[in-house]
Amino acid sequence: AKFYAIKSEMENLDDWKIIDDISVMRTIGFAKCGGEVVSPVCDDSKDTWNELKEICNILKKNNASSTNKTGGHVHVGTTAPKVCPTCNHPQSYFEIKNNNY
């Protein structure tokens, strides 16, 4: 995938980011490429689904791929897991979603 092209295209999406992830790094030519798409806390809204669709289109356009080391995960609950089963972050890494209406 064109890692930096993807990163650049995602800059206009609020709170979505792509971060380097050594567990999926690979060398293409002289460049080391690989990363993880990280979303903000999402809700079930039209805007969220449109942003997700846009992210998928950006990844597809740039020939992003996945391996058996990658996957998606969603956490729904009143507390964060003690340790994330996917990224191994401790519970203290996670934030409580604030709904300030």
N, C-alpha and C. Protein backbone atom coordinates (compact mmCIF):
# COMPACT_ATOMS: atom_id res chain seq x y z
N ALA A 1 0.84 -1.19 0.00
CA ALA A 1 0.00 0.00 0.00
C ALA A 1 0.87 1.23 0.00
N LYS A 2 0.35 2.29 -0.51
CA LYS A 2 1.06 3.56 -0.52
C LYS A 2 0.82 4.22 0.83
N PHE A 3 1.58 3.79 1.83
CA PHE A 3 1.35 4.14 3.22
C PHE A 3 1.19 5.64 3.44
N TYR A 4 2.11 6.43 2.91
CA TYR A 4 2.05 7.87 3.16
C TYR A 4 0.95 8.54 2.35
N ALA A 5 0.60 7.98 1.20
CA ALA A 5 -0.54 8.51 0.44
C ALA A 5 -1.83 8.30 1.23
N ILE A 6 -1.96 7.13 1.82
CA ILE A 6 -3.13 6.83 2.64
C ILE A 6 -3.19 7.77 3.83
N LYS A 7 -2.05 7.92 4.50
CA LYS A 7 -1.98 8.82 5.66
C LYS A 7 -2.41 10.24 5.28
N SER A 8 -1.95 10.71 4.14
CA SER A 8 -2.28 12.05 3.68
C SER A 8 -3.77 12.19 3.37
N GLU A 9 -4.35 11.20 2.71
CA GLU A 9 -5.77 11.26 2.35
C GLU A 9 -6.67 11.20 3.58
N MET A 10 -6.19 10.59 4.65
CA MET A 10 -7.01 10.45 5.85
C MET A 10 -6.97 11.70 6.73
N GLU A 11 -6.09 12.64 6.43
CA GLU A 11 -5.93 13.82 7.28
C GLU A 11 -7.21 14.64 7.41
N ASN A 12 -8.08 14.59 6.40
CA ASN A 12 -9.29 15.41 6.46
C ASN A 12 -10.43 14.72 7.23
N LEU A 13 -10.21 13.52 7.72
CA LEU A 13 -11.22 12.81 8.49
C LEU A 13 -10.96 13.02 9.98
N ASP A 14 -11.92 13.58 10.67
CA ASP A 14 -11.77 13.90 12.09
C ASP A 14 -11.43 12.67 12.92
N ASP A 15 -10.33 12.74 13.63
CA ASP A 15 -9.94 11.76 14.64
C ASP A 15 -9.59 10.37 14.11
N TRP A 16 -9.65 10.13 12.81
CA TRP A 16 -9.17 8.87 12.26
C TRP A 16 -7.68 9.05 12.03
N LYS A 17 -6.92 8.00 12.29
CA LYS A 17 -5.48 8.12 12.04
C LYS A 17 -4.93 6.77 11.60
N ILE A 18 -3.79 6.85 10.98
CA ILE A 18 -3.05 5.64 10.64
C ILE A 18 -1.71 5.76 11.35
N ILE A 19 -1.36 4.71 12.06
CA ILE A 19 -0.13 4.74 12.84
C ILE A 19 0.79 3.61 12.39
N ASP A 20 2.07 3.83 12.53
CA ASP A 20 3.05 2.78 12.22
C ASP A 20 2.78 1.58 13.12
N ASP A 21 2.91 0.41 12.58
CA ASP A 21 2.72 -0.82 13.35
C ASP A 21 3.76 -1.83 12.90
N ILE A 22 4.77 -2.00 13.72
CA ILE A 22 5.88 -2.88 13.35
C ILE A 22 5.46 -4.33 13.12
N SER A 23 4.34 -4.73 13.73
CA SER A 23 3.91 -6.13 13.58
C SER A 23 3.43 -6.44 12.16
N VAL A 24 3.13 -5.42 11.37
CA VAL A 24 2.71 -5.66 9.99
C VAL A 24 3.63 -4.97 8.98
N MET A 25 4.80 -4.50 9.44
CA MET A 25 5.75 -3.83 8.55
C MET A 25 6.29 -4.81 7.51
N ARG A 26 6.47 -4.28 6.32
CA ARG A 26 7.16 -5.04 5.28
C ARG A 26 7.97 -4.05 4.45
N THR A 27 8.95 -4.54 3.74
CA THR A 27 9.80 -3.69 2.94
C THR A 27 9.34 -3.73 1.49
N ILE A 28 9.11 -2.54 0.93
CA ILE A 28 8.76 -2.41 -0.48
C ILE A 28 9.81 -1.49 -1.08
N GLY A 29 10.68 -2.07 -1.95
CA GLY A 29 11.81 -1.30 -2.45
C GLY A 29 12.72 -0.97 -1.28
N PHE A 30 12.94 0.32 -1.05
CA PHE A 30 13.77 0.75 0.06
C PHE A 30 12.94 1.23 1.25
N ALA A 31 11.63 1.23 1.10
CA ALA A 31 10.77 1.77 2.14
C ALA A 31 10.16 0.67 3.01
N LYS A 32 10.04 0.96 4.28
CA LYS A 32 9.33 0.08 5.20
C LYS A 32 7.90 0.59 5.30
N CYS A 33 6.94 -0.27 5.04
CA CYS A 33 5.54 0.12 5.02
C CYS A 33 4.72 -0.80 5.91
N GLY A 34 3.69 -0.24 6.50
CA GLY A 34 2.76 -1.02 7.30
C GLY A 34 2.20 -0.17 8.41
N GLY A 35 0.94 -0.30 8.65
CA GLY A 35 0.34 0.50 9.69
C GLY A 35 -1.02 -0.01 10.09
N GLU A 36 -1.61 0.71 11.02
CA GLU A 36 -2.91 0.35 11.57
C GLU A 36 -3.82 1.56 11.47
N VAL A 37 -5.03 1.35 10.98
CA VAL A 37 -6.02 2.41 10.96
C VAL A 37 -6.72 2.40 12.31
N VAL A 38 -6.74 3.55 12.96
CA VAL A 38 -7.35 3.68 14.28
C VAL A 38 -8.50 4.68 14.17
N SER A 39 -9.66 4.25 14.61
CA SER A 39 -10.84 5.11 14.54
C SER A 39 -11.06 5.82 15.86
N PRO A 40 -11.83 6.91 15.82
CA PRO A 40 -12.27 7.50 17.08
C PRO A 40 -13.38 6.61 17.66
N VAL A 41 -13.86 6.91 18.85
CA VAL A 41 -15.03 6.22 19.37
C VAL A 41 -16.17 6.51 18.40
N CYS A 42 -16.83 5.48 17.94
CA CYS A 42 -17.87 5.64 16.92
C CYS A 42 -19.25 5.35 17.49
N ASP A 43 -20.22 6.00 16.90
CA ASP A 43 -21.60 5.68 17.25
C ASP A 43 -22.32 5.22 15.99
N ASP A 44 -23.52 4.73 16.15
CA ASP A 44 -24.29 4.23 15.03
C ASP A 44 -25.03 5.40 14.39
N SER A 45 -24.28 6.16 13.58
CA SER A 45 -24.87 7.32 12.92
C SER A 45 -24.49 7.30 11.44
N LYS A 46 -25.23 8.05 10.66
CA LYS A 46 -24.96 8.14 9.23
C LYS A 46 -23.55 8.66 8.97
N ASP A 47 -23.12 9.66 9.77
CA ASP A 47 -21.77 10.22 9.60
C ASP A 47 -20.70 9.16 9.83
N THR A 48 -20.87 8.35 10.87
CA THR A 48 -19.89 7.29 11.16
C THR A 48 -19.79 6.31 10.00
N TRP A 49 -20.93 5.86 9.51
CA TRP A 49 -20.92 4.89 8.40
C TRP A 49 -20.35 5.50 7.14
N ASN A 50 -20.61 6.78 6.89
CA ASN A 50 -20.02 7.45 5.73
C ASN A 50 -18.50 7.56 5.86
N GLU A 51 -18.01 7.88 7.07
CA GLU A 51 -16.56 7.94 7.28
C GLU A 51 -15.92 6.57 7.09
N LEU A 52 -16.55 5.54 7.62
CA LEU A 52 -16.02 4.18 7.45
C LEU A 52 -15.95 3.80 5.98
N LYS A 53 -16.99 4.15 5.24
CA LYS A 53 -17.00 3.88 3.80
C LYS A 53 -15.86 4.63 3.11
N GLU A 54 -15.65 5.89 3.49
CA GLU A 54 -14.57 6.67 2.90
C GLU A 54 -13.20 6.07 3.22
N ILE A 55 -13.01 5.62 4.46
CA ILE A 55 -11.75 4.96 4.84
C ILE A 55 -11.53 3.72 3.97
N CYS A 56 -12.55 2.90 3.84
CA CYS A 56 -12.42 1.68 3.02
C CYS A 56 -12.09 2.02 1.57
N ASN A 57 -12.71 3.07 1.03
CA ASN A 57 -12.42 3.48 -0.34
C ASN A 57 -10.98 3.96 -0.50
N ILE A 58 -10.48 4.71 0.49
CA ILE A 58 -9.09 5.18 0.45
C ILE A 58 -8.14 3.98 0.47
N LEU A 59 -8.39 3.03 1.36
CA LEU A 59 -7.54 1.85 1.45
C LEU A 59 -7.57 1.04 0.16
N LYS A 60 -8.76 0.84 -0.38
CA LYS A 60 -8.91 0.07 -1.62
C LYS A 60 -8.20 0.77 -2.78
N LYS A 61 -8.38 2.09 -2.91
CA LYS A 61 -7.77 2.86 -3.99
C LYS A 61 -6.24 2.76 -3.95
N ASN A 62 -5.68 2.65 -2.76
CA ASN A 62 -4.23 2.59 -2.59
C ASN A 62 -3.70 1.17 -2.46
N ASN A 63 -4.53 0.20 -2.83
CA ASN A 63 -4.13 -1.22 -2.83
C ASN A 63 -3.65 -1.72 -1.48
N ALA A 64 -4.28 -1.22 -0.41
CA ALA A 64 -3.93 -1.72 0.92
C ALA A 64 -4.31 -3.19 1.01
N SER A 65 -3.60 -3.90 1.82
CA SER A 65 -3.89 -5.33 1.99
C SER A 65 -3.77 -5.68 3.46
N SER A 66 -4.22 -6.86 3.79
CA SER A 66 -4.10 -7.32 5.16
C SER A 66 -3.48 -8.71 5.16
N THR A 67 -3.02 -9.12 6.31
CA THR A 67 -2.44 -10.45 6.46
C THR A 67 -3.14 -11.15 7.61
N ASN A 68 -2.69 -12.35 7.92
CA ASN A 68 -3.27 -13.07 9.05
C ASN A 68 -2.92 -12.42 10.39
N LYS A 69 -2.05 -11.40 10.36
CA LYS A 69 -1.70 -10.67 11.59
C LYS A 69 -2.63 -9.48 11.82
N THR A 70 -3.55 -9.24 10.89
CA THR A 70 -4.42 -8.06 11.00
C THR A 70 -5.87 -8.46 11.19
N GLY A 71 -6.65 -7.52 11.60
CA GLY A 71 -8.08 -7.77 11.76
C GLY A 71 -8.73 -6.57 12.39
N GLY A 72 -10.02 -6.64 12.54
CA GLY A 72 -10.74 -5.55 13.17
C GLY A 72 -11.27 -6.00 14.51
N HIS A 73 -11.52 -5.05 15.35
CA HIS A 73 -12.13 -5.39 16.62
C HIS A 73 -12.99 -4.23 17.11
N VAL A 74 -14.04 -4.57 17.78
CA VAL A 74 -14.96 -3.58 18.31
C VAL A 74 -15.21 -3.93 19.77
N HIS A 75 -15.16 -2.92 20.62
CA HIS A 75 -15.46 -3.16 22.03
C HIS A 75 -16.70 -2.36 22.40
N VAL A 76 -17.68 -3.04 22.94
CA VAL A 76 -18.88 -2.40 23.44
C VAL A 76 -19.05 -2.84 24.88
N GLY A 77 -19.14 -1.91 25.79
CA GLY A 77 -19.31 -2.29 27.18
C GLY A 77 -19.22 -1.10 28.10
N THR A 78 -19.39 -1.38 29.37
CA THR A 78 -19.34 -0.30 30.36
C THR A 78 -17.93 -0.07 30.88
N THR A 79 -17.04 -1.02 30.65
CA THR A 79 -15.64 -0.86 31.04
C THR A 79 -14.75 -1.41 29.92
N ALA A 80 -13.55 -0.90 29.86
CA ALA A 80 -12.58 -1.41 28.89
C ALA A 80 -12.07 -2.76 29.36
N PRO A 81 -11.59 -3.60 28.44
CA PRO A 81 -11.01 -4.87 28.86
C PRO A 81 -9.75 -4.63 29.69
N LYS A 82 -9.41 -5.55 30.58
CA LYS A 82 -8.19 -5.41 31.40
C LYS A 82 -6.97 -5.24 30.51
N VAL A 83 -6.91 -6.06 29.45
CA VAL A 83 -5.86 -5.98 28.43
C VAL A 83 -6.54 -6.24 27.09
N CYS A 84 -6.31 -5.34 26.13
CA CYS A 84 -6.92 -5.53 24.81
C CYS A 84 -6.38 -6.81 24.17
N PRO A 85 -7.27 -7.71 23.73
CA PRO A 85 -6.82 -8.96 23.14
C PRO A 85 -6.16 -8.78 21.78
N THR A 86 -6.32 -7.62 21.17
CA THR A 86 -5.74 -7.39 19.85
C THR A 86 -4.42 -6.63 19.91
N CYS A 87 -4.39 -5.53 20.68
CA CYS A 87 -3.19 -4.69 20.68
C CYS A 87 -2.40 -4.75 22.00
N ASN A 88 -2.93 -5.47 22.98
CA ASN A 88 -2.28 -5.65 24.28
C ASN A 88 -2.15 -4.37 25.11
N HIS A 89 -2.89 -3.31 24.75
CA HIS A 89 -2.86 -2.11 25.58
C HIS A 89 -3.55 -2.41 26.91
N PRO A 90 -3.05 -1.85 28.00
CA PRO A 90 -3.69 -2.06 29.30
C PRO A 90 -4.98 -1.25 29.40
N GLN A 91 -5.80 -1.57 30.37
CA GLN A 91 -7.08 -0.90 30.57
C GLN A 91 -6.91 0.62 30.69
N SER A 92 -5.82 1.05 31.30
CA SER A 92 -5.60 2.49 31.51
C SER A 92 -5.41 3.26 30.20
N TYR A 93 -5.13 2.57 29.10
CA TYR A 93 -4.95 3.20 27.80
C TYR A 93 -6.27 3.75 27.25
N PHE A 94 -7.38 3.13 27.59
CA PHE A 94 -8.67 3.46 27.01
C PHE A 94 -9.34 4.61 27.72
N GLU A 95 -10.17 5.34 26.99
CA GLU A 95 -10.89 6.48 27.54
C GLU A 95 -12.39 6.19 27.58
N ILE A 96 -13.07 6.78 28.54
CA ILE A 96 -14.51 6.67 28.62
C ILE A 96 -15.11 7.68 27.67
N LYS A 97 -16.08 7.23 26.88
CA LYS A 97 -16.74 8.15 25.95
C LYS A 97 -17.60 9.11 26.74
N ASN A 98 -17.46 10.39 26.44
CA ASN A 98 -18.26 11.43 27.09
C ASN A 98 -19.38 11.85 26.16
N ASN A 99 -20.59 11.83 26.65
CA ASN A 99 -21.72 12.37 25.90
C ASN A 99 -22.16 13.64 26.60
N ASN A 100 -21.71 14.75 26.10
CA ASN A 100 -22.08 16.05 26.66
C ASN A 100 -23.13 16.68 25.76
N TYR A 101 -24.37 16.51 26.13
CA TYR A 101 -25.46 17.03 25.29
C TYR A 101 -25.89 18.39 25.75
